[in-house]
């Protein structure tokens, strides 16, 4: 599939070339792997790259699984785009 994250970015950029001349195009990347991929996409599309800093909310019984994320505005989202409290049934 992909040799590495750089190759993933190259292949993804090819699929996104129709956005190349879009107004206000911006590539956002997540740290810990996504920046390398995002850099390749941004470079090939001629777009600026920014990094979105988030903190993973893990699942206690599966440390590598992310159930959601917390952004700098303290918003909490599940991996399904729902409010994390609703996702976990927390009032």
Protein backbone atom coordinates (compact mmCIF):
# COMPACT_ATOMS: atom_id res chain seq x y z
CA UNK A 1 0.00 0.00 0.00
CA UNK A 2 2.46 2.70 1.20
CA UNK A 3 6.22 2.40 1.63
CA UNK A 4 6.19 5.03 4.38
CA UNK A 5 4.35 8.20 5.45
CA UNK A 6 6.05 10.26 2.77
CA UNK A 7 4.83 7.86 0.10
CA UNK A 8 1.35 8.05 1.61
CA UNK A 9 1.44 11.84 1.23
CA UNK A 10 2.57 11.59 -2.38
CA UNK A 11 -0.22 9.16 -3.22
CA UNK A 12 -2.82 11.18 -1.34
CA UNK A 13 -1.74 14.38 -3.10
CA UNK A 14 -2.31 12.69 -6.46
CA UNK A 15 -5.90 11.96 -5.43
CA UNK A 16 -6.39 15.57 -4.30
CA UNK A 17 -4.91 17.39 -7.29
CA UNK A 18 -8.35 18.72 -8.27
CA UNK A 19 -8.04 20.99 -5.20
CA UNK A 20 -4.71 22.43 -6.33
CA UNK A 21 -6.08 25.83 -7.35
CA UNK A 22 -8.83 26.05 -4.74
CA UNK A 23 -9.13 29.40 -3.00
CA UNK A 24 -7.88 29.44 0.61
CA UNK A 25 -6.54 25.87 0.41
CA UNK A 26 -4.83 24.78 3.63
CA UNK A 27 -3.45 21.39 4.63
CA UNK A 28 -3.79 20.52 8.31
CA UNK A 29 -1.67 17.76 9.79
CA UNK A 30 -1.69 15.99 13.14
CA UNK A 31 1.60 15.41 14.95
CA UNK A 32 3.08 11.94 15.44
CA UNK A 33 2.98 10.84 11.85
CA UNK A 34 0.63 13.14 10.02
CA UNK A 35 3.09 15.99 9.55
CA UNK A 36 5.30 14.04 7.15
CA UNK A 37 2.26 13.02 5.13
CA UNK A 38 0.73 16.49 5.27
CA UNK A 39 3.99 18.09 4.16
CA UNK A 40 4.02 16.05 0.97
CA UNK A 41 0.38 16.88 0.26
CA UNK A 42 0.94 20.61 0.87
CA UNK A 43 4.09 20.69 -1.22
CA UNK A 44 2.50 19.00 -4.20
CA UNK A 45 -0.69 21.07 -4.03
CA UNK A 46 1.20 24.31 -3.49
CA UNK A 47 -0.71 24.91 -0.28
CA UNK A 48 0.36 26.16 3.13
CA UNK A 49 0.74 23.55 5.86
CA UNK A 50 -0.36 24.01 9.45
CA UNK A 51 -0.22 21.62 12.37
CA UNK A 52 -3.29 20.95 14.49
CA UNK A 53 -2.20 20.25 18.05
CA UNK A 54 -4.47 17.81 19.82
CA UNK A 55 -4.19 15.34 22.66
CA UNK A 56 -5.39 11.79 22.20
CA UNK A 57 -7.99 10.42 24.58
CA UNK A 58 -7.08 6.77 24.81
CA UNK A 59 -9.11 3.72 25.66
CA UNK A 60 -7.84 2.25 28.97
CA UNK A 61 -7.92 -1.36 27.82
CA UNK A 62 -6.32 -0.62 24.42
CA UNK A 63 -3.49 1.97 24.69
CA UNK A 64 -3.01 2.38 20.93
CA UNK A 65 -6.71 3.05 20.26
CA UNK A 66 -7.86 6.68 20.27
CA UNK A 67 -11.46 7.18 21.35
CA UNK A 68 -11.33 10.91 20.77
CA UNK A 69 -9.24 14.03 21.00
CA UNK A 70 -8.95 17.21 22.99
CA UNK A 71 -8.09 20.44 21.22
CA UNK A 72 -6.55 23.59 22.64
CA UNK A 73 -10.00 25.09 23.16
CA UNK A 74 -10.73 22.21 25.55
CA UNK A 75 -13.31 20.78 23.18
CA UNK A 76 -13.63 17.01 23.36
CA UNK A 77 -14.65 15.01 20.30
CA UNK A 78 -15.06 11.33 19.70
CA UNK A 79 -13.53 9.62 16.72
CA UNK A 80 -17.03 9.61 15.25
CA UNK A 81 -17.38 13.41 15.42
CA UNK A 82 -19.75 13.32 18.39
CA UNK A 83 -19.27 14.98 21.73
CA UNK A 84 -17.15 12.51 23.71
CA UNK A 85 -19.41 12.62 26.77
CA UNK A 86 -22.37 11.57 24.64
CA UNK A 87 -20.27 8.89 22.95
CA UNK A 88 -19.32 7.39 26.32
CA UNK A 89 -22.78 7.93 27.89
CA UNK A 90 -21.51 10.49 30.41
CA UNK A 91 -24.16 13.03 31.51
